[in-house]
Amino acid sequence: MRFRTARTTRASAQRQREGGDERVAALVAVTYELLDAHADTDGLATGATTEAEWENHHAYFRDLQRVGRETLARVGATAV
């Protein structure tokens, strides 16, 4: 078992605070992108759209899902 000294604990807490702003910014960016995607979906659903527009939108959602999962993994990994 490793024992943590007060110095190590303080340094770890400082690194968490510094990285916290970046983690929050990444989550906020993904959240706003998700909100925009829902607004786009509403616009497509209420208007006359082509099959190609829906296919593009579905591809966008798949990309957004991938980016969101990567962001959550990155934020979760740096929080430990």
N, C-alpha and C. Protein backbone atom coordinates (compact mmCIF):
# COMPACT_ATOMS: atom_id res chain seq x y z
N MET A 1 0.84 -1.18 0.00
CA MET A 1 0.00 0.00 0.00
C MET A 1 0.88 1.23 0.00
N ARG A 2 0.53 2.18 -0.83
CA ARG A 2 1.27 3.45 -0.85
C ARG A 2 0.60 4.44 0.08
N PHE A 3 1.41 5.17 0.77
CA PHE A 3 0.90 6.22 1.65
C PHE A 3 1.11 7.56 0.97
N ARG A 4 0.11 8.38 1.06
CA ARG A 4 0.22 9.71 0.46
C ARG A 4 0.62 10.71 1.53
N THR A 5 1.57 11.52 1.17
CA THR A 5 1.98 12.57 2.08
C THR A 5 1.09 13.78 1.88
N ALA A 6 1.14 14.70 2.80
CA ALA A 6 0.35 15.93 2.67
C ALA A 6 0.76 16.68 1.41
N ARG A 7 2.04 16.63 1.08
CA ARG A 7 2.53 17.33 -0.11
C ARG A 7 1.90 16.74 -1.37
N THR A 8 1.83 15.42 -1.46
CA THR A 8 1.23 14.76 -2.62
C THR A 8 -0.26 15.08 -2.72
N THR A 9 -0.94 15.07 -1.60
CA THR A 9 -2.36 15.36 -1.58
C THR A 9 -2.62 16.79 -2.05
N ARG A 10 -1.83 17.73 -1.59
CA ARG A 10 -2.00 19.12 -2.02
C ARG A 10 -1.74 19.28 -3.51
N ALA A 11 -0.70 18.65 -4.01
CA ALA A 11 -0.38 18.75 -5.43
C ALA A 11 -1.49 18.14 -6.27
N SER A 12 -2.04 17.00 -5.85
CA SER A 12 -3.12 16.36 -6.58
C SER A 12 -4.36 17.23 -6.60
N ALA A 13 -4.68 17.84 -5.48
CA ALA A 13 -5.85 18.72 -5.41
C ALA A 13 -5.67 19.92 -6.33
N GLN A 14 -4.46 20.45 -6.39
CA GLN A 14 -4.22 21.61 -7.26
C GLN A 14 -4.36 21.20 -8.73
N ARG A 15 -3.84 20.03 -9.11
CA ARG A 15 -3.97 19.58 -10.49
C ARG A 15 -5.44 19.36 -10.85
N GLN A 16 -6.23 18.86 -9.91
CA GLN A 16 -7.66 18.65 -10.19
C GLN A 16 -8.36 19.98 -10.42
N ARG A 17 -8.03 21.00 -9.61
CA ARG A 17 -8.66 22.31 -9.79
C ARG A 17 -8.30 22.90 -11.14
N GLU A 18 -7.03 22.79 -11.53
CA GLU A 18 -6.59 23.35 -12.80
C GLU A 18 -7.27 22.66 -13.98
N GLY A 19 -7.39 21.33 -13.93
CA GLY A 19 -8.02 20.59 -15.01
C GLY A 19 -9.53 20.66 -14.99
N GLY A 20 -10.10 21.09 -13.88
CA GLY A 20 -11.55 21.15 -13.74
C GLY A 20 -12.20 22.09 -14.74
N ASP A 21 -11.56 23.23 -14.98
CA ASP A 21 -12.12 24.19 -15.93
C ASP A 21 -12.17 23.60 -17.34
N GLU A 22 -11.12 22.88 -17.73
CA GLU A 22 -11.10 22.26 -19.05
C GLU A 22 -12.16 21.16 -19.17
N ARG A 23 -12.33 20.39 -18.10
CA ARG A 23 -13.34 19.32 -18.12
C ARG A 23 -14.74 19.91 -18.25
N VAL A 24 -15.00 20.95 -17.49
CA VAL A 24 -16.32 21.60 -17.55
C VAL A 24 -16.55 22.19 -18.93
N ALA A 25 -15.54 22.83 -19.50
CA ALA A 25 -15.68 23.43 -20.83
C ALA A 25 -15.98 22.35 -21.88
N ALA A 26 -15.33 21.21 -21.78
CA ALA A 26 -15.57 20.12 -22.73
C ALA A 26 -17.00 19.60 -22.61
N LEU A 27 -17.47 19.44 -21.39
CA LEU A 27 -18.84 18.96 -21.18
C LEU A 27 -19.87 19.98 -21.63
N VAL A 28 -19.61 21.25 -21.39
CA VAL A 28 -20.52 22.31 -21.84
C VAL A 28 -20.59 22.33 -23.35
N ALA A 29 -19.45 22.19 -24.02
CA ALA A 29 -19.43 22.20 -25.49
C ALA A 29 -20.26 21.05 -26.05
N VAL A 30 -20.10 19.86 -25.49
CA VAL A 30 -20.88 18.71 -25.97
C VAL A 30 -22.36 18.91 -25.68
N THR A 31 -22.68 19.48 -24.54
CA THR A 31 -24.08 19.71 -24.18
C THR A 31 -24.74 20.68 -25.15
N TYR A 32 -24.05 21.77 -25.46
CA TYR A 32 -24.62 22.73 -26.41
C TYR A 32 -24.76 22.11 -27.80
N GLU A 33 -23.81 21.30 -28.20
CA GLU A 33 -23.91 20.63 -29.50
C GLU A 33 -25.11 19.70 -29.53
N LEU A 34 -25.35 19.01 -28.42
CA LEU A 34 -26.51 18.12 -28.33
C LEU A 34 -27.82 18.91 -28.39
N LEU A 35 -27.86 20.05 -27.71
CA LEU A 35 -29.06 20.89 -27.76
C LEU A 35 -29.30 21.40 -29.18
N ASP A 36 -28.24 21.81 -29.86
CA ASP A 36 -28.38 22.26 -31.25
C ASP A 36 -28.87 21.13 -32.14
N ALA A 37 -28.38 19.92 -31.88
CA ALA A 37 -28.81 18.77 -32.68
C ALA A 37 -30.30 18.51 -32.52
N HIS A 38 -30.79 18.66 -31.31
CA HIS A 38 -32.23 18.48 -31.09
C HIS A 38 -33.03 19.56 -31.81
N ALA A 39 -32.54 20.78 -31.80
CA ALA A 39 -33.22 21.86 -32.52
C ALA A 39 -33.22 21.57 -34.02
N ASP A 40 -32.10 21.05 -34.53
CA ASP A 40 -32.04 20.68 -35.95
C ASP A 40 -33.05 19.57 -36.27
N THR A 41 -33.15 18.61 -35.37
CA THR A 41 -34.10 17.51 -35.58
C THR A 41 -35.53 18.04 -35.64
N ASP A 42 -35.84 18.96 -34.75
CA ASP A 42 -37.18 19.56 -34.76
C ASP A 42 -37.43 20.27 -36.08
N GLY A 43 -36.44 21.00 -36.55
CA GLY A 43 -36.59 21.70 -37.83
C GLY A 43 -36.79 20.75 -38.99
N LEU A 44 -36.05 19.66 -38.99
CA LEU A 44 -36.21 18.67 -40.05
C LEU A 44 -37.57 17.97 -39.98
N ALA A 45 -38.02 17.70 -38.77
CA ALA A 45 -39.28 16.97 -38.60
C ALA A 45 -40.49 17.80 -38.99
N THR A 46 -40.40 19.10 -38.83
CA THR A 46 -41.57 19.95 -39.11
C THR A 46 -41.56 20.52 -40.53
N GLY A 47 -40.50 20.29 -41.27
CA GLY A 47 -40.43 20.83 -42.63
C GLY A 47 -40.40 19.72 -43.65
N ALA A 48 -40.41 20.14 -44.91
CA ALA A 48 -40.29 19.17 -46.00
C ALA A 48 -38.81 18.83 -46.17
N THR A 49 -38.48 17.59 -45.89
CA THR A 49 -37.07 17.19 -45.96
C THR A 49 -36.91 16.01 -46.90
N THR A 50 -35.72 15.91 -47.42
CA THR A 50 -35.42 14.81 -48.34
C THR A 50 -34.77 13.67 -47.55
N GLU A 51 -34.71 12.53 -48.21
CA GLU A 51 -34.05 11.38 -47.59
C GLU A 51 -32.57 11.68 -47.35
N ALA A 52 -31.95 12.41 -48.25
CA ALA A 52 -30.53 12.75 -48.10
C ALA A 52 -30.31 13.64 -46.86
N GLU A 53 -31.22 14.57 -46.62
CA GLU A 53 -31.09 15.42 -45.43
C GLU A 53 -31.17 14.60 -44.15
N TRP A 54 -32.10 13.63 -44.12
CA TRP A 54 -32.20 12.78 -42.94
C TRP A 54 -30.95 11.92 -42.78
N GLU A 55 -30.43 11.39 -43.88
CA GLU A 55 -29.22 10.57 -43.81
C GLU A 55 -28.04 11.39 -43.28
N ASN A 56 -27.93 12.62 -43.74
CA ASN A 56 -26.87 13.50 -43.24
C ASN A 56 -27.05 13.77 -41.75
N HIS A 57 -28.28 13.97 -41.35
CA HIS A 57 -28.56 14.25 -39.94
C HIS A 57 -28.24 13.03 -39.08
N HIS A 58 -28.57 11.86 -39.56
CA HIS A 58 -28.25 10.63 -38.81
C HIS A 58 -26.74 10.44 -38.69
N ALA A 59 -26.01 10.75 -39.76
CA ALA A 59 -24.54 10.66 -39.71
C ALA A 59 -23.99 11.66 -38.68
N TYR A 60 -24.58 12.83 -38.65
CA TYR A 60 -24.18 13.85 -37.66
C TYR A 60 -24.43 13.34 -36.24
N PHE A 61 -25.57 12.71 -36.01
CA PHE A 61 -25.87 12.16 -34.69
C PHE A 61 -24.89 11.05 -34.30
N ARG A 62 -24.52 10.21 -35.26
CA ARG A 62 -23.54 9.16 -34.96
C ARG A 62 -22.20 9.78 -34.57
N ASP A 63 -21.79 10.81 -35.29
CA ASP A 63 -20.54 11.51 -34.96
C ASP A 63 -20.64 12.18 -33.60
N LEU A 64 -21.77 12.79 -33.32
CA LEU A 64 -21.97 13.46 -32.04
C LEU A 64 -21.93 12.44 -30.90
N GLN A 65 -22.51 11.28 -31.11
CA GLN A 65 -22.47 10.24 -30.10
C GLN A 65 -21.03 9.81 -29.83
N ARG A 66 -20.25 9.62 -30.89
CA ARG A 66 -18.86 9.23 -30.73
C ARG A 66 -18.07 10.29 -29.97
N VAL A 67 -18.24 11.54 -30.37
CA VAL A 67 -17.53 12.64 -29.72
C VAL A 67 -17.97 12.77 -28.26
N GLY A 68 -19.25 12.61 -28.00
CA GLY A 68 -19.75 12.69 -26.63
C GLY A 68 -19.16 11.60 -25.74
N ARG A 69 -19.10 10.38 -26.27
CA ARG A 69 -18.52 9.28 -25.49
C ARG A 69 -17.04 9.49 -25.25
N GLU A 70 -16.33 9.98 -26.28
CA GLU A 70 -14.90 10.26 -26.12
C GLU A 70 -14.68 11.34 -25.07
N THR A 71 -15.53 12.36 -25.10
CA THR A 71 -15.41 13.45 -24.13
C THR A 71 -15.66 12.95 -22.71
N LEU A 72 -16.71 12.17 -22.55
CA LEU A 72 -17.00 11.61 -21.22
C LEU A 72 -15.86 10.72 -20.73
N ALA A 73 -15.31 9.93 -21.61
CA ALA A 73 -14.19 9.06 -21.21
C ALA A 73 -12.99 9.90 -20.81
N ARG A 74 -12.68 10.93 -21.59
CA ARG A 74 -11.52 11.79 -21.31
C ARG A 74 -11.73 12.54 -20.01
N VAL A 75 -12.90 13.09 -19.80
CA VAL A 75 -13.19 13.83 -18.57
C VAL A 75 -13.16 12.90 -17.38
N GLY A 76 -13.72 11.72 -17.53
CA GLY A 76 -13.72 10.76 -16.42
C GLY A 76 -12.33 10.27 -16.09
N ALA A 77 -11.49 10.09 -17.10
CA ALA A 77 -10.13 9.63 -16.87
C ALA A 77 -9.28 10.68 -16.18
N THR A 78 -9.50 11.94 -16.49
CA THR A 78 -8.69 12.99 -15.86
C THR A 78 -9.20 13.36 -14.49
N ALA A 79 -10.42 12.93 -14.14
CA ALA A 79 -10.97 13.25 -12.83
C ALA A 79 -10.43 12.34 -11.74
N VAL A 80 -9.81 11.23 -12.14
CA VAL A 80 -9.31 10.26 -11.15
C VAL A 80 -7.97 10.67 -10.63
